[in-house]
């Protein structure tokens, strides 16, 4: 029971940690100060933790990483669009 509570608290903190950056990126479409590799690796890592959570039946791990995978993917996609598809050179 205690481990589940700790898992849910950690999940909430992780999601809330990603949320401000995701909202800011969606609102401003500014990604100049975001490292492309960082959000690519974060999305891949979160995806694998999501799979692990599903396979283990660990719902806090699954749900948290489902949300962080989605948010990392959104930021990564906007970054790719800005740097490579908008005829703008990456910094």
N, C-alpha and C. Protein backbone atom coordinates (compact mmCIF):
# COMPACT_ATOMS: atom_id res chain seq x y z
N UNK A 1 0.82 -1.20 0.00
CA UNK A 1 0.00 0.00 0.00
C UNK A 1 0.87 1.27 0.00
N UNK A 2 1.89 1.29 0.87
CA UNK A 2 2.77 2.44 0.94
C UNK A 2 3.52 2.63 -0.38
N UNK A 3 3.95 1.53 -0.99
CA UNK A 3 4.68 1.65 -2.26
C UNK A 3 3.79 2.21 -3.36
N UNK A 4 2.50 1.88 -3.35
CA UNK A 4 1.58 2.44 -4.34
C UNK A 4 1.38 3.94 -4.11
N UNK A 5 1.25 4.35 -2.88
CA UNK A 5 1.09 5.77 -2.56
C UNK A 5 2.33 6.54 -3.02
N UNK A 6 3.51 6.01 -2.72
CA UNK A 6 4.75 6.64 -3.16
C UNK A 6 4.80 6.70 -4.68
N UNK A 7 4.37 5.63 -5.34
CA UNK A 7 4.34 5.61 -6.81
C UNK A 7 3.42 6.66 -7.38
N UNK A 8 2.25 6.82 -6.80
CA UNK A 8 1.31 7.84 -7.29
C UNK A 8 1.83 9.25 -7.04
N UNK A 9 2.45 9.48 -5.89
CA UNK A 9 3.03 10.80 -5.61
C UNK A 9 4.14 11.10 -6.61
N UNK A 10 5.01 10.12 -6.86
CA UNK A 10 6.08 10.30 -7.85
C UNK A 10 5.51 10.58 -9.23
N UNK A 11 4.45 9.88 -9.60
CA UNK A 11 3.81 10.07 -10.91
C UNK A 11 3.26 11.47 -11.05
N UNK A 12 2.59 11.94 -10.02
CA UNK A 12 2.03 13.29 -10.05
C UNK A 12 3.14 14.32 -10.20
N UNK A 13 4.23 14.14 -9.45
CA UNK A 13 5.36 15.07 -9.53
C UNK A 13 5.98 15.06 -10.93
N UNK A 14 6.14 13.89 -11.53
CA UNK A 14 6.73 13.80 -12.87
C UNK A 14 5.85 14.49 -13.91
N UNK A 15 4.57 14.23 -13.86
CA UNK A 15 3.65 14.85 -14.83
C UNK A 15 3.62 16.36 -14.64
N UNK A 16 3.54 16.80 -13.40
CA UNK A 16 3.51 18.23 -13.13
C UNK A 16 4.84 18.89 -13.48
N UNK A 17 5.92 18.14 -13.44
CA UNK A 17 7.22 18.66 -13.84
C UNK A 17 7.31 18.92 -15.34
N UNK A 18 6.69 18.08 -16.13
CA UNK A 18 6.69 18.24 -17.59
C UNK A 18 5.66 19.26 -18.07
N UNK A 19 4.59 19.37 -17.35
CA UNK A 19 3.45 20.16 -17.81
C UNK A 19 3.77 21.62 -18.12
N UNK A 20 4.48 22.36 -17.27
CA UNK A 20 4.75 23.77 -17.60
C UNK A 20 5.53 23.95 -18.90
N UNK A 21 6.54 23.09 -19.13
CA UNK A 21 7.31 23.20 -20.37
C UNK A 21 6.44 22.88 -21.58
N UNK A 22 5.60 21.89 -21.45
CA UNK A 22 4.72 21.51 -22.56
C UNK A 22 3.74 22.63 -22.88
N UNK A 23 3.12 23.18 -21.86
CA UNK A 23 2.16 24.29 -22.07
C UNK A 23 2.87 25.49 -22.69
N UNK A 24 4.05 25.84 -22.15
CA UNK A 24 4.81 26.98 -22.68
C UNK A 24 5.18 26.75 -24.15
N UNK A 25 5.60 25.55 -24.48
CA UNK A 25 5.99 25.24 -25.86
C UNK A 25 4.79 25.30 -26.80
N UNK A 26 3.66 24.79 -26.37
CA UNK A 26 2.45 24.82 -27.19
C UNK A 26 1.99 26.26 -27.40
N UNK A 27 2.01 27.07 -26.34
CA UNK A 27 1.55 28.46 -26.43
C UNK A 27 2.46 29.32 -27.31
N UNK A 28 3.77 29.23 -27.09
CA UNK A 28 4.70 30.13 -27.76
C UNK A 28 5.27 29.57 -29.06
N UNK A 29 5.25 28.25 -29.18
CA UNK A 29 5.89 27.55 -30.31
C UNK A 29 7.39 27.82 -30.34
N UNK A 30 7.93 28.36 -29.26
CA UNK A 30 9.35 28.65 -29.18
C UNK A 30 10.09 27.43 -28.63
N UNK A 31 11.08 26.98 -29.38
CA UNK A 31 11.87 25.83 -28.94
C UNK A 31 13.36 26.09 -29.07
N UNK A 32 13.73 27.34 -29.21
CA UNK A 32 15.14 27.68 -29.42
C UNK A 32 16.04 27.20 -28.29
N UNK A 33 15.57 27.22 -27.07
CA UNK A 33 16.39 26.85 -25.93
C UNK A 33 16.20 25.41 -25.48
N UNK A 34 15.55 24.62 -26.30
CA UNK A 34 15.29 23.22 -25.96
C UNK A 34 16.24 22.34 -26.75
N UNK A 35 16.91 21.41 -26.06
CA UNK A 35 17.83 20.49 -26.71
C UNK A 35 17.03 19.34 -27.34
N UNK A 36 17.15 19.19 -28.65
CA UNK A 36 16.41 18.18 -29.39
C UNK A 36 16.68 16.78 -28.85
N UNK A 37 17.95 16.45 -28.66
CA UNK A 37 18.32 15.13 -28.17
C UNK A 37 17.73 14.81 -26.81
N UNK A 38 17.66 15.81 -25.97
CA UNK A 38 17.12 15.60 -24.63
C UNK A 38 15.68 15.13 -24.68
N UNK A 39 14.86 15.82 -25.44
CA UNK A 39 13.44 15.44 -25.47
C UNK A 39 13.20 14.18 -26.28
N UNK A 40 14.06 13.87 -27.23
CA UNK A 40 13.96 12.60 -27.94
C UNK A 40 14.25 11.45 -26.98
N UNK A 41 15.34 11.55 -26.24
CA UNK A 41 15.69 10.50 -25.29
C UNK A 41 14.69 10.41 -24.15
N UNK A 42 14.17 11.55 -23.70
CA UNK A 42 13.16 11.52 -22.64
C UNK A 42 11.89 10.81 -23.12
N UNK A 43 11.49 11.07 -24.36
CA UNK A 43 10.30 10.41 -24.91
C UNK A 43 10.52 8.91 -25.04
N UNK A 44 11.69 8.51 -25.53
CA UNK A 44 11.99 7.08 -25.67
C UNK A 44 12.06 6.40 -24.30
N UNK A 45 12.74 7.04 -23.35
CA UNK A 45 12.82 6.48 -22.00
C UNK A 45 11.45 6.34 -21.35
N UNK A 46 10.62 7.37 -21.48
CA UNK A 46 9.28 7.32 -20.91
C UNK A 46 8.43 6.24 -21.58
N UNK A 47 8.61 6.06 -22.89
CA UNK A 47 7.88 5.01 -23.60
C UNK A 47 8.24 3.63 -23.06
N UNK A 48 9.53 3.39 -22.86
CA UNK A 48 9.93 2.10 -22.32
C UNK A 48 9.48 1.90 -20.87
N UNK A 49 9.49 2.95 -20.06
CA UNK A 49 8.95 2.84 -18.71
C UNK A 49 7.44 2.58 -18.75
N UNK A 50 6.77 3.16 -19.73
CA UNK A 50 5.34 2.93 -19.91
C UNK A 50 5.08 1.45 -20.21
N UNK A 51 5.87 0.91 -21.12
CA UNK A 51 5.75 -0.52 -21.46
C UNK A 51 6.03 -1.39 -20.23
N UNK A 52 7.08 -1.05 -19.50
CA UNK A 52 7.42 -1.80 -18.30
C UNK A 52 6.28 -1.74 -17.28
N UNK A 53 5.73 -0.55 -17.07
CA UNK A 53 4.62 -0.41 -16.13
C UNK A 53 3.43 -1.26 -16.53
N UNK A 54 3.14 -1.29 -17.82
CA UNK A 54 2.02 -2.11 -18.33
C UNK A 54 2.29 -3.60 -18.09
N UNK A 55 3.51 -4.03 -18.45
CA UNK A 55 3.85 -5.45 -18.30
C UNK A 55 3.86 -5.90 -16.85
N UNK A 56 4.24 -5.00 -15.94
CA UNK A 56 4.27 -5.33 -14.52
C UNK A 56 2.92 -5.11 -13.84
N UNK A 57 2.00 -4.46 -14.54
CA UNK A 57 0.72 -4.12 -13.91
C UNK A 57 0.88 -3.00 -12.89
N UNK A 58 1.92 -2.19 -13.06
CA UNK A 58 2.20 -1.08 -12.16
C UNK A 58 1.56 0.17 -12.76
N UNK A 59 0.35 0.49 -12.32
CA UNK A 59 -0.42 1.57 -12.93
C UNK A 59 0.16 2.95 -12.71
N UNK A 60 0.74 3.26 -11.54
CA UNK A 60 1.38 4.58 -11.42
C UNK A 60 2.50 4.76 -12.44
N UNK A 61 3.33 3.74 -12.60
CA UNK A 61 4.44 3.80 -13.55
C UNK A 61 3.91 3.92 -14.98
N UNK A 62 2.89 3.16 -15.31
CA UNK A 62 2.30 3.19 -16.65
C UNK A 62 1.69 4.55 -16.96
N UNK A 63 0.81 5.03 -16.08
CA UNK A 63 0.09 6.28 -16.35
C UNK A 63 1.01 7.49 -16.39
N UNK A 64 1.94 7.54 -15.46
CA UNK A 64 2.89 8.64 -15.43
C UNK A 64 3.67 8.71 -16.73
N UNK A 65 4.19 7.60 -17.16
CA UNK A 65 5.02 7.59 -18.36
C UNK A 65 4.21 7.68 -19.64
N UNK A 66 2.95 7.31 -19.60
CA UNK A 66 2.07 7.56 -20.74
C UNK A 66 1.93 9.07 -20.94
N UNK A 67 1.71 9.79 -19.83
CA UNK A 67 1.60 11.25 -19.91
C UNK A 67 2.91 11.90 -20.31
N UNK A 68 4.02 11.47 -19.72
CA UNK A 68 5.31 12.09 -20.05
C UNK A 68 5.76 11.75 -21.46
N UNK A 69 5.41 10.56 -21.95
CA UNK A 69 5.71 10.22 -23.35
C UNK A 69 4.95 11.16 -24.27
N UNK A 70 3.69 11.39 -23.98
CA UNK A 70 2.88 12.28 -24.81
C UNK A 70 3.43 13.70 -24.79
N UNK A 71 3.77 14.21 -23.60
CA UNK A 71 4.28 15.57 -23.50
C UNK A 71 5.65 15.71 -24.16
N UNK A 72 6.53 14.73 -23.98
CA UNK A 72 7.85 14.78 -24.63
C UNK A 72 7.70 14.72 -26.14
N UNK A 73 6.76 13.92 -26.62
CA UNK A 73 6.53 13.79 -28.06
C UNK A 73 6.01 15.10 -28.63
N UNK A 74 5.13 15.78 -27.92
CA UNK A 74 4.62 17.08 -28.38
C UNK A 74 5.76 18.09 -28.49
N UNK A 75 6.58 18.18 -27.45
CA UNK A 75 7.69 19.12 -27.46
C UNK A 75 8.68 18.76 -28.56
N UNK A 76 9.02 17.49 -28.68
CA UNK A 76 9.94 17.02 -29.72
C UNK A 76 9.40 17.34 -31.11
N UNK A 77 8.11 17.13 -31.32
CA UNK A 77 7.49 17.40 -32.63
C UNK A 77 7.54 18.88 -32.99
N UNK A 78 7.23 19.74 -32.03
CA UNK A 78 7.29 21.18 -32.27
C UNK A 78 8.73 21.60 -32.55
N UNK A 79 9.68 21.03 -31.81
CA UNK A 79 11.09 21.33 -32.01
C UNK A 79 11.52 20.91 -33.42
N UNK A 80 11.12 19.72 -33.86
CA UNK A 80 11.47 19.25 -35.20
C UNK A 80 10.87 20.16 -36.27
N UNK A 81 9.61 20.54 -36.09
CA UNK A 81 8.95 21.43 -37.05
C UNK A 81 9.68 22.75 -37.12
N UNK A 82 10.01 23.32 -35.97
CA UNK A 82 10.69 24.62 -35.95
C UNK A 82 12.08 24.56 -36.57
N UNK A 83 12.83 23.53 -36.25
CA UNK A 83 14.23 23.47 -36.68
C UNK A 83 14.44 22.92 -38.08
N UNK A 84 13.60 22.00 -38.50
CA UNK A 84 13.89 21.31 -39.75
C UNK A 84 12.82 21.45 -40.84
N UNK A 85 11.64 21.86 -40.47
CA UNK A 85 10.59 21.97 -41.48
C UNK A 85 10.11 23.40 -41.72
N UNK A 86 10.66 24.35 -40.99
CA UNK A 86 10.27 25.74 -41.15
C UNK A 86 11.37 26.56 -41.82
N UNK A 87 12.30 25.87 -42.46
CA UNK A 87 13.40 26.51 -43.17
C UNK A 87 14.22 27.40 -42.27
N UNK A 88 14.37 26.95 -41.03
CA UNK A 88 15.15 27.69 -40.04
C UNK A 88 16.29 26.79 -39.60
N UNK A 89 17.48 27.30 -39.57
CA UNK A 89 18.63 26.49 -39.16
C UNK A 89 18.60 26.27 -37.65
N UNK A 90 18.88 25.02 -37.22
CA UNK A 90 18.96 24.79 -35.77
C UNK A 90 20.19 25.48 -35.19
N UNK A 91 20.06 25.88 -33.92
CA UNK A 91 21.18 26.55 -33.25
C UNK A 91 22.13 25.53 -32.68
